[in-house]
Amino acid sequence: MTDANTATVAAAEVAPGPQQGSDGEARSLWSDAWRMLRRSPVFWISLALILVFLLMAILPQLFTQLDPQSGSLRQVRKAPSAEHWFGTDKQGRDIYARTIYGARASIIVGVLTTIATTLVGATFGIMAGYLGGWLDALLMRVTDVFFAIPMLLGGILFMASFPSDANTGYWTVVGKVVLVMTVFGWPSIARLMRSAVLQVKSLEYVQAARALGARPGRIILGHILPNAVAPVIVVATINLGAYIATEAALSFLGIGLVSPTISWGVAISDALDMVRTAPHLLLFPSLFLSLAVLAFILLGDAIRDALDPKTR
């Protein structure tokens, strides 16, 4: 999935600097992109969904006052009702409360993995693309080694080798999932950033800055990075949804986040053995997971369309 998304935006052209608008005013790539985003219904719908999920992750008390860990054997597998909107699970815990609180772990894993893969991948891509030579060849061969291993397969092997249990701390469990997805997720960002840097560094204003004696760090931060980062932002946004789905897959297999940690993947895993007798156990966590992944993918698509000069 990540490779397909990378290929979708890899051919996006990077605007070298301010452009002249139809009204005679100088416009940059980012100002033009914002004008397009403001007119995009997909952007606002996806942004609204993402804001709701972020509120669920940061302030779940705004949505429910119930304890997601508290249950009663008298309330086991109750169907949705006015008292329990989404019903109860096999331990009598409120599914609505667990779905709300489950957003926290899933969103944290997705956001932290996106930040880590973007930082690592962008650093490798900038070094390889700007410095070139033997360093470029070395970094790209290292990238190819990690890129050849599918993220889900690598995650299964790593998490199965270093399993977590109920006594493992919350941040330790989250950190292990973020680490394994970062290890196998940064190569696509590195390859994309390298291609963007190679395209930008040959432009005239970069050559002029180099001829005037500007230091490499200033050239990279002031000229190359602002004009090469657009496709990386698009792919990182789409990948965030993919990382949330990958975390759910690992948790579903019982080797990602584990109880008592609450996440959508854990809830789906717990509901699998009773899907026929109590389908509501599986329905609501799956629905929220699907909406979250879809929201980030739609946001990435909207940003891609806004940043692609071919659409203007």
C-alpha atoms as a PDB file:
ATOM      1  CA  MET A   1       0.000   0.000   0.000  1.00  0.00           C
ATOM      2  CA  THR A   2       2.752   2.386   0.902  1.00  0.00           C
ATOM      3  CA  ASP A   3       4.672   1.624  -2.301  1.00  0.00           C
ATOM      4  CA  ALA A   4       1.559   2.281  -4.390  1.00  0.00           C
ATOM      5  CA  ASN A   5       0.956   5.588  -2.665  1.00  0.00           C
ATOM      6  CA  THR A   6       4.578   6.557  -3.218  1.00  0.00           C
ATOM      7  CA  ALA A   7       4.320   5.786  -6.907  1.00  0.00           C
ATOM      8  CA  THR A   8       1.150   7.873  -7.148  1.00  0.00           C
ATOM      9  CA  VAL A   9       2.860  11.063  -6.046  1.00  0.00           C
ATOM     10  CA  ALA A  10       6.458  10.427  -7.057  1.00  0.00           C
ATOM     11  CA  ALA A  11       5.863  12.091 -10.400  1.00  0.00           C
ATOM     12  CA  ALA A  12       4.441  15.258  -8.832  1.00  0.00           C
ATOM     13  CA  GLU A  13       6.294  18.333 -10.031  1.00  0.00           C
ATOM     14  CA  VAL A  14       7.831  20.648  -7.438  1.00  0.00           C
ATOM     15  CA  ALA A  15       7.320  24.357  -7.952  1.00  0.00           C
ATOM     16  CA  PRO A  16      10.657  26.169  -7.701  1.00  0.00           C
ATOM     17  CA  GLY A  17       9.321  29.356  -6.199  1.00  0.00           C
ATOM     18  CA  PRO A  18       6.635  32.031  -6.350  1.00  0.00           C
ATOM     19  CA  GLN A  19       4.489  32.023  -9.480  1.00  0.00           C
ATOM     20  CA  GLN A  20       2.412  34.746 -11.071  1.00  0.00           C
ATOM     21  CA  GLY A  21      -1.325  34.383 -10.542  1.00  0.00           C
ATOM     22  CA  SER A  22      -4.062  35.458 -12.907  1.00  0.00           C
ATOM     23  CA  ASP A  23      -4.648  38.560 -10.760  1.00  0.00           C
ATOM     24  CA  GLY A  24      -1.020  39.648 -11.132  1.00  0.00           C
ATOM     25  CA  GLU A  25      -0.036  38.738  -7.566  1.00  0.00           C
ATOM     26  CA  ALA A  26       2.913  36.500  -6.791  1.00  0.00           C
ATOM     27  CA  ARG A  27       1.739  33.109  -5.564  1.00  0.00           C
ATOM     28  CA  SER A  28       3.686  30.295  -3.987  1.00  0.00           C
ATOM     29  CA  LEU A  29       3.014  26.568  -4.198  1.00  0.00           C
ATOM     30  CA  TRP A  30       1.620  26.569  -0.667  1.00  0.00           C
ATOM     31  CA  SER A  31      -0.703  29.553  -1.111  1.00  0.00           C
ATOM     32  CA  ASP A  32      -2.138  28.047  -4.293  1.00  0.00           C
ATOM     33  CA  ALA A  33      -2.546  24.712  -2.509  1.00  0.00           C
ATOM     34  CA  TRP A  34      -4.428  26.342   0.352  1.00  0.00           C
ATOM     35  CA  ARG A  35      -6.774  28.081  -2.094  1.00  0.00           C
ATOM     36  CA  MET A  36      -7.613  24.735  -3.663  1.00  0.00           C
ATOM     37  CA  LEU A  37      -8.009  22.987  -0.323  1.00  0.00           C
ATOM     38  CA  ARG A  38     -10.475  25.600   0.902  1.00  0.00           C
ATOM     39  CA  ARG A  39     -12.726  24.752  -2.065  1.00  0.00           C
ATOM     40  CA  SER A  40     -12.466  20.979  -1.595  1.00  0.00           C
ATOM     41  CA  PRO A  41     -15.374  19.250   0.216  1.00  0.00           C
ATOM     42  CA  VAL A  42     -13.211  16.129   0.619  1.00  0.00           C
ATOM     43  CA  PHE A  43     -10.628  18.148   2.546  1.00  0.00           C
ATOM     44  CA  TRP A  44     -13.161  19.559   5.010  1.00  0.00           C
ATOM     45  CA  ILE A  45     -14.943  16.238   5.534  1.00  0.00           C
ATOM     46  CA  SER A  46     -11.694  14.361   6.184  1.00  0.00           C
ATOM     47  CA  LEU A  47     -10.398  17.168   8.403  1.00  0.00           C
ATOM     48  CA  ALA A  48     -13.606  17.144  10.473  1.00  0.00           C
ATOM     49  CA  LEU A  49     -13.353  13.374  10.973  1.00  0.00           C
ATOM     50  CA  ILE A  50      -9.691  13.634  11.966  1.00  0.00           C
ATOM     51  CA  LEU A  51     -10.438  16.390  14.478  1.00  0.00           C
ATOM     52  CA  VAL A  52     -13.141  14.215  16.061  1.00  0.00           C
ATOM     53  CA  PHE A  53     -10.740  11.295  16.373  1.00  0.00           C
ATOM     54  CA  LEU A  54      -8.052  13.551  17.827  1.00  0.00           C
ATOM     55  CA  LEU A  55     -10.522  14.817  20.432  1.00  0.00           C
ATOM     56  CA  MET A  56     -11.391  11.217  21.246  1.00  0.00           C
ATOM     57  CA  ALA A  57      -7.711  10.440  21.746  1.00  0.00           C
ATOM     58  CA  ILE A  58      -6.879  13.558  23.794  1.00  0.00           C
ATOM     59  CA  LEU A  59     -10.114  14.115  25.749  1.00  0.00           C
ATOM     60  CA  PRO A  60     -12.205  10.931  25.750  1.00  0.00           C
ATOM     61  CA  GLN A  61     -14.120  12.289  28.761  1.00  0.00           C
ATOM     62  CA  LEU A  62     -15.907  14.648  26.371  1.00  0.00           C
ATOM     63  CA  PHE A  63     -17.631  11.658  24.787  1.00  0.00           C
ATOM     64  CA  THR A  64     -18.237   9.307  27.721  1.00  0.00           C
ATOM     65  CA  GLN A  65     -18.008   9.231  31.506  1.00  0.00           C
ATOM     66  CA  LEU A  66     -17.948   5.434  31.729  1.00  0.00           C
ATOM     67  CA  ASP A  67     -14.868   3.476  32.761  1.00  0.00           C
ATOM     68  CA  PRO A  68     -13.753   1.365  29.777  1.00  0.00           C
ATOM     69  CA  GLN A  69     -12.147  -1.205  32.099  1.00  0.00           C
ATOM     70  CA  SER A  70     -15.153  -1.615  34.396  1.00  0.00           C
ATOM     71  CA  GLY A  71     -17.535  -4.469  33.670  1.00  0.00           C
ATOM     72  CA  SER A  72     -20.265  -6.568  35.243  1.00  0.00           C
ATOM     73  CA  LEU A  73     -20.971 -10.243  34.647  1.00  0.00           C
ATOM     74  CA  ARG A  74     -24.677  -9.374  34.685  1.00  0.00           C
ATOM     75  CA  GLN A  75     -24.173  -7.245  31.572  1.00  0.00           C
ATOM     76  CA  VAL A  76     -22.242  -9.747  29.431  1.00  0.00           C
ATOM     77  CA  ARG A  77     -22.798  -9.439  25.656  1.00  0.00           C
ATOM     78  CA  LYS A  78     -25.764  -7.102  25.929  1.00  0.00           C
ATOM     79  CA  ALA A  79     -27.147  -5.776  22.654  1.00  0.00           C
ATOM     80  CA  PRO A  80     -27.031  -2.023  21.948  1.00  0.00           C
ATOM     81  CA  SER A  81     -29.508  -0.122  24.102  1.00  0.00           C
ATOM     82  CA  ALA A  82     -30.178   3.289  25.628  1.00  0.00           C
ATOM     83  CA  GLU A  83     -27.961   2.363  28.583  1.00  0.00           C
ATOM     84  CA  HIS A  84     -25.136   0.913  26.493  1.00  0.00           C
ATOM     85  CA  TRP A  85     -25.196   2.514  23.046  1.00  0.00           C
ATOM     86  CA  PHE A  86     -22.875  -0.033  21.424  1.00  0.00           C
ATOM     87  CA  GLY A  87     -23.712  -2.917  23.766  1.00  0.00           C
ATOM     88  CA  THR A  88     -21.311  -4.729  26.090  1.00  0.00           C
ATOM     89  CA  ASP A  89     -18.503  -7.219  25.521  1.00  0.00           C
ATOM     90  CA  LYS A  90     -17.879 -10.679  26.943  1.00  0.00           C
ATOM     91  CA  GLN A  91     -16.720  -9.173  30.239  1.00  0.00           C
ATOM     92  CA  GLY A  92     -19.650  -6.787  30.557  1.00  0.00           C
ATOM     93  CA  ARG A  93     -17.637  -3.685  29.637  1.00  0.00           C
ATOM     94  CA  ASP A  94     -19.248  -0.869  27.685  1.00  0.00           C
ATOM     95  CA  ILE A  95     -18.205  -1.122  24.021  1.00  0.00           C
ATOM     96  CA  TYR A  96     -18.901   2.555  23.338  1.00  0.00           C
ATOM     97  CA  ALA A  97     -16.499   3.625  26.106  1.00  0.00           C
ATOM     98  CA  ARG A  98     -13.847   1.153  24.924  1.00  0.00           C
ATOM     99  CA  THR A  99     -14.239   2.344  21.333  1.00  0.00           C
ATOM    100  CA  ILE A 100     -13.786   5.968  22.399  1.00  0.00           C
ATOM    101  CA  TYR A 101     -10.753   5.208  24.562  1.00  0.00           C
ATOM    102  CA  GLY A 102      -9.379   2.872  21.893  1.00  0.00           C
ATOM    103  CA  ALA A 103      -8.773   5.849  19.630  1.00  0.00           C
ATOM    104  CA  ARG A 104      -5.938   7.041  21.899  1.00  0.00           C
ATOM    105  CA  ALA A 105      -3.539   4.139  21.384  1.00  0.00           C
ATOM    106  CA  SER A 106      -4.337   3.785  17.677  1.00  0.00           C
ATOM    107  CA  ILE A 107      -3.895   7.511  16.941  1.00  0.00           C
ATOM    108  CA  ILE A 108      -0.723   7.743  19.067  1.00  0.00           C
ATOM    109  CA  VAL A 109       0.845   4.826  17.203  1.00  0.00           C
ATOM    110  CA  GLY A 110      -0.098   6.299  13.829  1.00  0.00           C
ATOM    111  CA  VAL A 111       1.129   9.826  14.611  1.00  0.00           C
ATOM    112  CA  LEU A 112       4.400   8.772  16.271  1.00  0.00           C
ATOM    113  CA  THR A 113       5.187   6.313  13.476  1.00  0.00           C
ATOM    114  CA  THR A 114       4.484   8.956  10.834  1.00  0.00           C
ATOM    115  CA  ILE A 115       6.748  11.481  12.557  1.00  0.00           C
ATOM    116  CA  ALA A 116       9.543   8.943  13.031  1.00  0.00           C
ATOM    117  CA  THR A 117       9.436   7.531   9.492  1.00  0.00           C
ATOM    118  CA  THR A 118       9.293  11.028   7.990  1.00  0.00           C
ATOM    119  CA  LEU A 119      12.277  12.276   9.992  1.00  0.00           C
ATOM    120  CA  VAL A 120      14.410   9.189   9.333  1.00  0.00           C
ATOM    121  CA  GLY A 121      13.396   8.815   5.699  1.00  0.00           C
ATOM    122  CA  ALA A 122      13.754  12.526   4.902  1.00  0.00           C
ATOM    123  CA  THR A 123      17.209  12.640   6.492  1.00  0.00           C
ATOM    124  CA  PHE A 124      18.447   9.668   4.486  1.00  0.00           C
ATOM    125  CA  GLY A 125      16.837  10.968   1.300  1.00  0.00           C
ATOM    126  CA  ILE A 126      18.302  14.460   1.634  1.00  0.00           C
ATOM    127  CA  MET A 127      21.801  13.142   2.355  1.00  0.00           C
ATOM    128  CA  ALA A 128      21.668  10.697  -0.547  1.00  0.00           C
ATOM    129  CA  GLY A 129      20.164  13.144  -3.026  1.00  0.00           C
ATOM    130  CA  TYR A 130      22.236  16.213  -2.188  1.00  0.00           C
ATOM    131  CA  LEU A 131      25.652  14.676  -1.473  1.00  0.00           C
ATOM    132  CA  GLY A 132      25.484  11.948  -4.121  1.00  0.00           C
ATOM    133  CA  GLY A 133      28.484   9.789  -4.986  1.00  0.00           C
ATOM    134  CA  TRP A 134      29.425   6.778  -2.923  1.00  0.00           C
ATOM    135  CA  LEU A 135      27.281   7.944   0.005  1.00  0.00           C
ATOM    136  CA  ASP A 136      24.231   7.984  -2.230  1.00  0.00           C
ATOM    137  CA  ALA A 137      24.960   4.451  -3.425  1.00  0.00           C
ATOM    138  CA  LEU A 138      25.534   3.199   0.134  1.00  0.00           C
ATOM    139  CA  LEU A 139      22.405   4.781   1.604  1.00  0.00           C
ATOM    140  CA  MET A 140      20.212   3.577  -1.233  1.00  0.00           C
ATOM    141  CA  ARG A 141      21.466   0.006  -0.896  1.00  0.00           C
ATOM    142  CA  VAL A 142      20.668   0.100   2.812  1.00  0.00           C
ATOM    143  CA  THR A 143      17.263   1.520   1.935  1.00  0.00           C
ATOM    144  CA  ASP A 144      16.660  -1.267  -0.579  1.00  0.00           C
ATOM    145  CA  VAL A 145      17.389  -3.908   2.066  1.00  0.00           C
ATOM    146  CA  PHE A 146      14.683  -2.584   4.396  1.00  0.00           C
ATOM    147  CA  PHE A 147      12.330  -1.756   1.527  1.00  0.00           C
ATOM    148  CA  ALA A 148      12.378  -5.382   0.369  1.00  0.00           C
ATOM    149  CA  ILE A 149      10.796  -6.550   3.653  1.00  0.00           C
ATOM    150  CA  PRO A 150       7.008  -5.994   3.856  1.00  0.00           C
ATOM    151  CA  MET A 151       6.086  -3.963   6.935  1.00  0.00           C
ATOM    152  CA  LEU A 152       3.441  -6.378   8.197  1.00  0.00           C
ATOM    153  CA  LEU A 153       5.718  -9.396   7.787  1.00  0.00           C
ATOM    154  CA  GLY A 154       8.600  -7.607   9.487  1.00  0.00           C
ATOM    155  CA  GLY A 155       6.280  -6.508  12.277  1.00  0.00           C
ATOM    156  CA  ILE A 156       5.058 -10.054  12.838  1.00  0.00           C
ATOM    157  CA  LEU A 157       8.615 -11.407  13.018  1.00  0.00           C
ATOM    158  CA  PHE A 158       9.806  -8.653  15.379  1.00  0.00           C
ATOM    159  CA  MET A 159       6.803  -8.639  17.709  1.00  0.00           C
ATOM    160  CA  ALA A 160       6.708 -12.440  17.856  1.00  0.00           C
ATOM    161  CA  SER A 161      10.388 -12.450  18.828  1.00  0.00           C
ATOM    162  CA  PHE A 162       9.871  -9.795  21.533  1.00  0.00           C
ATOM    163  CA  PRO A 163       6.304 -10.369  22.752  1.00  0.00           C
ATOM    164  CA  SER A 164       4.437  -8.202  25.232  1.00  0.00           C
ATOM    165  CA  ASP A 165       2.151  -9.354  28.037  1.00  0.00           C
ATOM    166  CA  ALA A 166      -0.298  -7.875  30.523  1.00  0.00           C
ATOM    167  CA  ASN A 167       2.574  -6.765  32.769  1.00  0.00           C
ATOM    168  CA  THR A 168       4.320  -4.754  30.055  1.00  0.00           C
ATOM    169  CA  GLY A 169       3.986  -0.989  30.519  1.00  0.00           C
ATOM    170  CA  TYR A 170       1.697   1.020  28.263  1.00  0.00           C
ATOM    171  CA  TRP A 171       4.402   3.162  26.679  1.00  0.00           C
ATOM    172  CA  THR A 172       6.686   0.153  26.306  1.00  0.00           C
ATOM    173  CA  VAL A 173       4.056  -1.676  24.274  1.00  0.00           C
ATOM    174  CA  VAL A 174       3.295   1.417  22.191  1.00  0.00           C
ATOM    175  CA  GLY A 175       7.000   2.139  21.715  1.00  0.00           C
ATOM    176  CA  LYS A 176       7.704  -1.365  20.425  1.00  0.00           C
ATOM    177  CA  VAL A 177       4.931  -1.128  17.826  1.00  0.00           C
ATOM    178  CA  VAL A 178       6.106   2.334  16.740  1.00  0.00           C
ATOM    179  CA  LEU A 179       9.711   1.146  16.537  1.00  0.00           C
ATOM    180  CA  VAL A 180       8.994  -1.873  14.381  1.00  0.00           C
ATOM    181  CA  MET A 181       6.815   0.101  11.946  1.00  0.00           C
ATOM    182  CA  THR A 182       9.430   2.851  11.766  1.00  0.00           C
ATOM    183  CA  VAL A 183      12.184   0.362  10.954  1.00  0.00           C
ATOM    184  CA  PHE A 184      10.251  -0.998   7.983  1.00  0.00           C
ATOM    185  CA  GLY A 185       8.376   2.173   7.002  1.00  0.00           C
ATOM    186  CA  TRP A 186      11.071   4.816   6.415  1.00  0.00           C
ATOM    187  CA  PRO A 187      12.522   3.488   3.101  1.00  0.00           C
ATOM    188  CA  SER A 188       9.575   4.693   0.970  1.00  0.00           C
ATOM    189  CA  ILE A 189       9.953   8.218   2.379  1.00  0.00           C
ATOM    190  CA  ALA A 190      13.717   8.125   1.795  1.00  0.00           C
ATOM    191  CA  ARG A 191      13.345   7.123  -1.846  1.00  0.00           C
ATOM    192  CA  LEU A 192      10.718   9.785  -2.470  1.00  0.00           C
ATOM    193  CA  MET A 193      12.725  12.528  -0.761  1.00  0.00           C
ATOM    194  CA  ARG A 194      15.859  11.577  -2.687  1.00  0.00           C
ATOM    195  CA  SER A 195      14.062  11.848  -6.032  1.00  0.00           C
ATOM    196  CA  ALA A 196      12.582  15.222  -5.037  1.00  0.00           C
ATOM    197  CA  VAL A 197      15.989  16.544  -3.913  1.00  0.00           C
ATOM    198  CA  LEU A 198      17.617  15.395  -7.152  1.00  0.00           C
ATOM    199  CA  GLN A 199      14.982  17.310  -9.082  1.00  0.00           C
ATOM    200  CA  VAL A 200      15.254  20.495  -7.025  1.00  0.00           C
ATOM    201  CA  LYS A 201      19.033  20.731  -6.598  1.00  0.00           C
ATOM    202  CA  SER A 202      19.570  21.108 -10.338  1.00  0.00           C
ATOM    203  CA  LEU A 203      17.349  24.204 -10.539  1.00  0.00           C
ATOM    204  CA  GLU A 204      18.840  27.624 -11.200  1.00  0.00           C
ATOM    205  CA  TYR A 205      18.216  29.246  -7.833  1.00  0.00           C
ATOM    206  CA  VAL A 206      19.975  26.388  -6.027  1.00  0.00           C
ATOM    207  CA  GLN A 207      22.933  26.651  -8.379  1.00  0.00           C
ATOM    208  CA  ALA A 208      23.011  30.409  -7.825  1.00  0.00           C
ATOM    209  CA  ALA A 209      23.050  29.988  -4.044  1.00  0.00           C
ATOM    210  CA  ARG A 210      25.889  27.496  -4.332  1.00  0.00           C
ATOM    211  CA  ALA A 211      27.842  29.846  -6.621  1.00  0.00           C
ATOM    212  CA  LEU A 212      27.458  32.661  -4.073  1.00  0.00           C
ATOM    213  CA  GLY A 213      29.149  30.491  -1.466  1.00  0.00           C
ATOM    214  CA  ALA A 214      26.139  29.465   0.623  1.00  0.00           C
ATOM    215  CA  ARG A 215      26.829  26.604   2.998  1.00  0.00           C
ATOM    216  CA  PRO A 216      25.258  23.192   2.284  1.00  0.00           C
ATOM    217  CA  GLY A 217      23.109  23.385   5.410  1.00  0.00           C
ATOM    218  CA  ARG A 218      21.693  26.753   4.380  1.00  0.00           C
ATOM    219  CA  ILE A 219      21.036  25.549   0.839  1.00  0.00           C
ATOM    220  CA  ILE A 220      19.243  22.433   2.080  1.00  0.00           C
ATOM    221  CA  LEU A 221      17.108  24.159   4.719  1.00  0.00           C
ATOM    222  CA  GLY A 222      16.460  27.386   2.835  1.00  0.00           C
ATOM    223  CA  HIS A 223      16.107  26.282  -0.779  1.00  0.00           C
ATOM    224  CA  ILE A 224      15.883  22.523  -1.287  1.00  0.00           C
ATOM    225  CA  LEU A 225      13.761  21.288   1.611  1.00  0.00           C
ATOM    226  CA  PRO A 226      10.861  23.791   1.275  1.00  0.00           C
ATOM    227  CA  ASN A 227      10.494  22.923  -2.419  1.00  0.00           C
ATOM    228  CA  ALA A 228      11.057  19.170  -2.118  1.00  0.00           C
ATOM    229  CA  VAL A 229       8.937  18.337   0.911  1.00  0.00           C
ATOM    230  CA  ALA A 230       5.494  18.565  -0.755  1.00  0.00           C
ATOM    231  CA  PRO A 231       5.296  14.955  -2.048  1.00  0.00           C
ATOM    232  CA  VAL A 232       6.669  13.694   1.277  1.00  0.00           C
ATOM    233  CA  ILE A 233       3.858  15.440   3.168  1.00  0.00           C
ATOM    234  CA  VAL A 234       1.298  13.814   0.889  1.00  0.00           C
ATOM    235  CA  VAL A 235       2.692  10.299   1.324  1.00  0.00           C
ATOM    236  CA  ALA A 236       3.193  10.753   5.087  1.00  0.00           C
ATOM    237  CA  THR A 237      -0.451  11.795   5.485  1.00  0.00           C
ATOM    238  CA  ILE A 238      -1.707   8.772   3.572  1.00  0.00           C
ATOM    239  CA  ASN A 239       0.728   6.489   5.393  1.00  0.00           C
ATOM    240  CA  LEU A 240      -0.641   7.611   8.764  1.00  0.00           C
ATOM    241  CA  GLY A 241      -3.865   5.824   7.980  1.00  0.00           C
ATOM    242  CA  ALA A 242      -1.909   2.784   6.816  1.00  0.00           C
ATOM    243  CA  TYR A 243       0.049   2.715  10.081  1.00  0.00           C
ATOM    244  CA  ILE A 244      -3.169   2.753  12.103  1.00  0.00           C
ATOM    245  CA  ALA A 245      -4.408  -0.198  10.043  1.00  0.00           C
ATOM    246  CA  THR A 246      -1.090  -2.031  10.495  1.00  0.00           C
ATOM    247  CA  GLU A 247      -1.233  -1.554  14.275  1.00  0.00           C
ATOM    248  CA  ALA A 248      -4.763  -2.972  14.234  1.00  0.00           C
ATOM    249  CA  ALA A 249      -3.561  -5.966  12.217  1.00  0.00           C
ATOM    250  CA  LEU A 250      -0.712  -6.678  14.649  1.00  0.00           C
ATOM    251  CA  SER A 251      -3.041  -6.290  17.641  1.00  0.00           C
ATOM    252  CA  PHE A 252      -5.616  -8.493  15.931  1.00  0.00           C
ATOM    253  CA  LEU A 253      -2.963 -11.204  15.657  1.00  0.00           C
ATOM    254  CA  GLY A 254      -2.224 -10.825  19.365  1.00  0.00           C
ATOM    255  CA  ILE A 255       1.342  -9.590  18.942  1.00  0.00           C
ATOM    256  CA  GLY A 256       0.829  -5.821  18.802  1.00  0.00           C
ATOM    257  CA  LEU A 257      -0.908  -3.889  21.545  1.00  0.00           C
ATOM    258  CA  VAL A 258      -2.265  -6.283  24.174  1.00  0.00           C
ATOM    259  CA  SER A 259      -4.748  -6.007  27.028  1.00  0.00           C
ATOM    260  CA  PRO A 260      -5.150  -4.132  29.299  1.00  0.00           C
ATOM    261  CA  THR A 261      -4.143  -1.589  26.612  1.00  0.00           C
ATOM    262  CA  ILE A 262      -7.275  -0.456  24.785  1.00  0.00           C
ATOM    263  CA  SER A 263      -7.170  -0.061  21.013  1.00  0.00           C
ATOM    264  CA  TRP A 264      -9.431  -0.790  18.075  1.00  0.00           C
ATOM    265  CA  GLY A 265      -7.229  -3.689  17.021  1.00  0.00           C
ATOM    266  CA  VAL A 266      -7.425  -5.267  20.491  1.00  0.00           C
ATOM    267  CA  ALA A 267     -11.212  -4.840  20.497  1.00  0.00           C
ATOM    268  CA  ILE A 268     -11.504  -6.503  17.082  1.00  0.00           C
ATOM    269  CA  SER A 269      -9.312  -9.379  18.250  1.00  0.00           C
ATOM    270  CA  ASP A 270     -11.426  -9.887  21.391  1.00  0.00           C
ATOM    271  CA  ALA A 271     -14.640  -9.927  19.349  1.00  0.00           C
ATOM    272  CA  LEU A 272     -13.582 -12.395  16.690  1.00  0.00           C
ATOM    273  CA  ASP A 273     -14.617 -15.583  18.505  1.00  0.00           C
ATOM    274  CA  MET A 274     -18.176 -14.292  19.058  1.00  0.00           C
ATOM    275  CA  VAL A 275     -18.872 -12.598  15.745  1.00  0.00           C
ATOM    276  CA  ARG A 276     -21.834 -14.885  14.992  1.00  0.00           C
ATOM    277  CA  THR A 277     -23.576 -14.676  18.368  1.00  0.00           C
ATOM    278  CA  ALA A 278     -22.755 -11.005  19.098  1.00  0.00           C
ATOM    279  CA  PRO A 279     -21.818  -9.200  15.860  1.00  0.00           C
ATOM    280  CA  HIS A 280     -21.989  -5.771  17.555  1.00  0.00           C
ATOM    281  CA  LEU A 281     -18.725  -6.609  19.367  1.00  0.00           C
ATOM    282  CA  LEU A 282     -16.946  -6.480  16.012  1.00  0.00           C
ATOM    283  CA  LEU A 283     -19.046  -3.908  14.187  1.00  0.00           C
ATOM    284  CA  PHE A 284     -18.329  -0.695  16.082  1.00  0.00           C
ATOM    285  CA  PRO A 285     -14.523  -0.944  16.584  1.00  0.00           C
ATOM    286  CA  SER A 286     -14.187  -1.969  12.922  1.00  0.00           C
ATOM    287  CA  LEU A 287     -16.352   0.963  11.821  1.00  0.00           C
ATOM    288  CA  PHE A 288     -14.310   3.520  13.765  1.00  0.00           C
ATOM    289  CA  LEU A 289     -11.048   1.997  12.517  1.00  0.00           C
ATOM    290  CA  SER A 290     -12.252   2.137   8.912  1.00  0.00           C
ATOM    291  CA  LEU A 291     -13.411   5.752   9.254  1.00  0.00           C
ATOM    292  CA  ALA A 292     -10.074   6.827  10.753  1.00  0.00           C
ATOM    293  CA  VAL A 293      -8.036   5.160   8.014  1.00  0.00           C
ATOM    294  CA  LEU A 294     -10.355   6.531   5.330  1.00  0.00           C
ATOM    295  CA  ALA A 295     -10.143  10.063   6.775  1.00  0.00           C
ATOM    296  CA  PHE A 296      -6.351  10.191   6.564  1.00  0.00           C
ATOM    297  CA  ILE A 297      -6.304   8.666   3.074  1.00  0.00           C
ATOM    298  CA  LEU A 298      -8.852  11.219   1.844  1.00  0.00           C
ATOM    299  CA  LEU A 299      -6.852  14.042   3.444  1.00  0.00           C
ATOM    300  CA  GLY A 300      -3.711  12.834   1.705  1.00  0.00           C
ATOM    301  CA  ASP A 301      -5.539  12.653  -1.627  1.00  0.00           C
ATOM    302  CA  ALA A 302      -6.858  16.197  -1.180  1.00  0.00           C
ATOM    303  CA  ILE A 303      -3.389  17.525  -0.339  1.00  0.00           C
ATOM    304  CA  ARG A 304      -1.908  15.654  -3.310  1.00  0.00           C
ATOM    305  CA  ASP A 305      -4.397  17.224  -5.705  1.00  0.00           C
ATOM    306  CA  ALA A 306      -3.749  20.677  -4.236  1.00  0.00           C
ATOM    307  CA  LEU A 307       0.039  20.404  -4.456  1.00  0.00           C
ATOM    308  CA  ASP A 308       0.164  18.950  -7.953  1.00  0.00           C
ATOM    309  CA  PRO A 309       0.691  21.821 -10.439  1.00  0.00           C
ATOM    310  CA  LYS A 310      -0.882  19.696 -13.202  1.00  0.00           C
ATOM    311  CA  THR A 311      -4.303  20.117 -11.595  1.00  0.00           C
ATOM    312  CA  ARG A 312      -4.148  23.928 -11.805  1.00  0.00           C
END
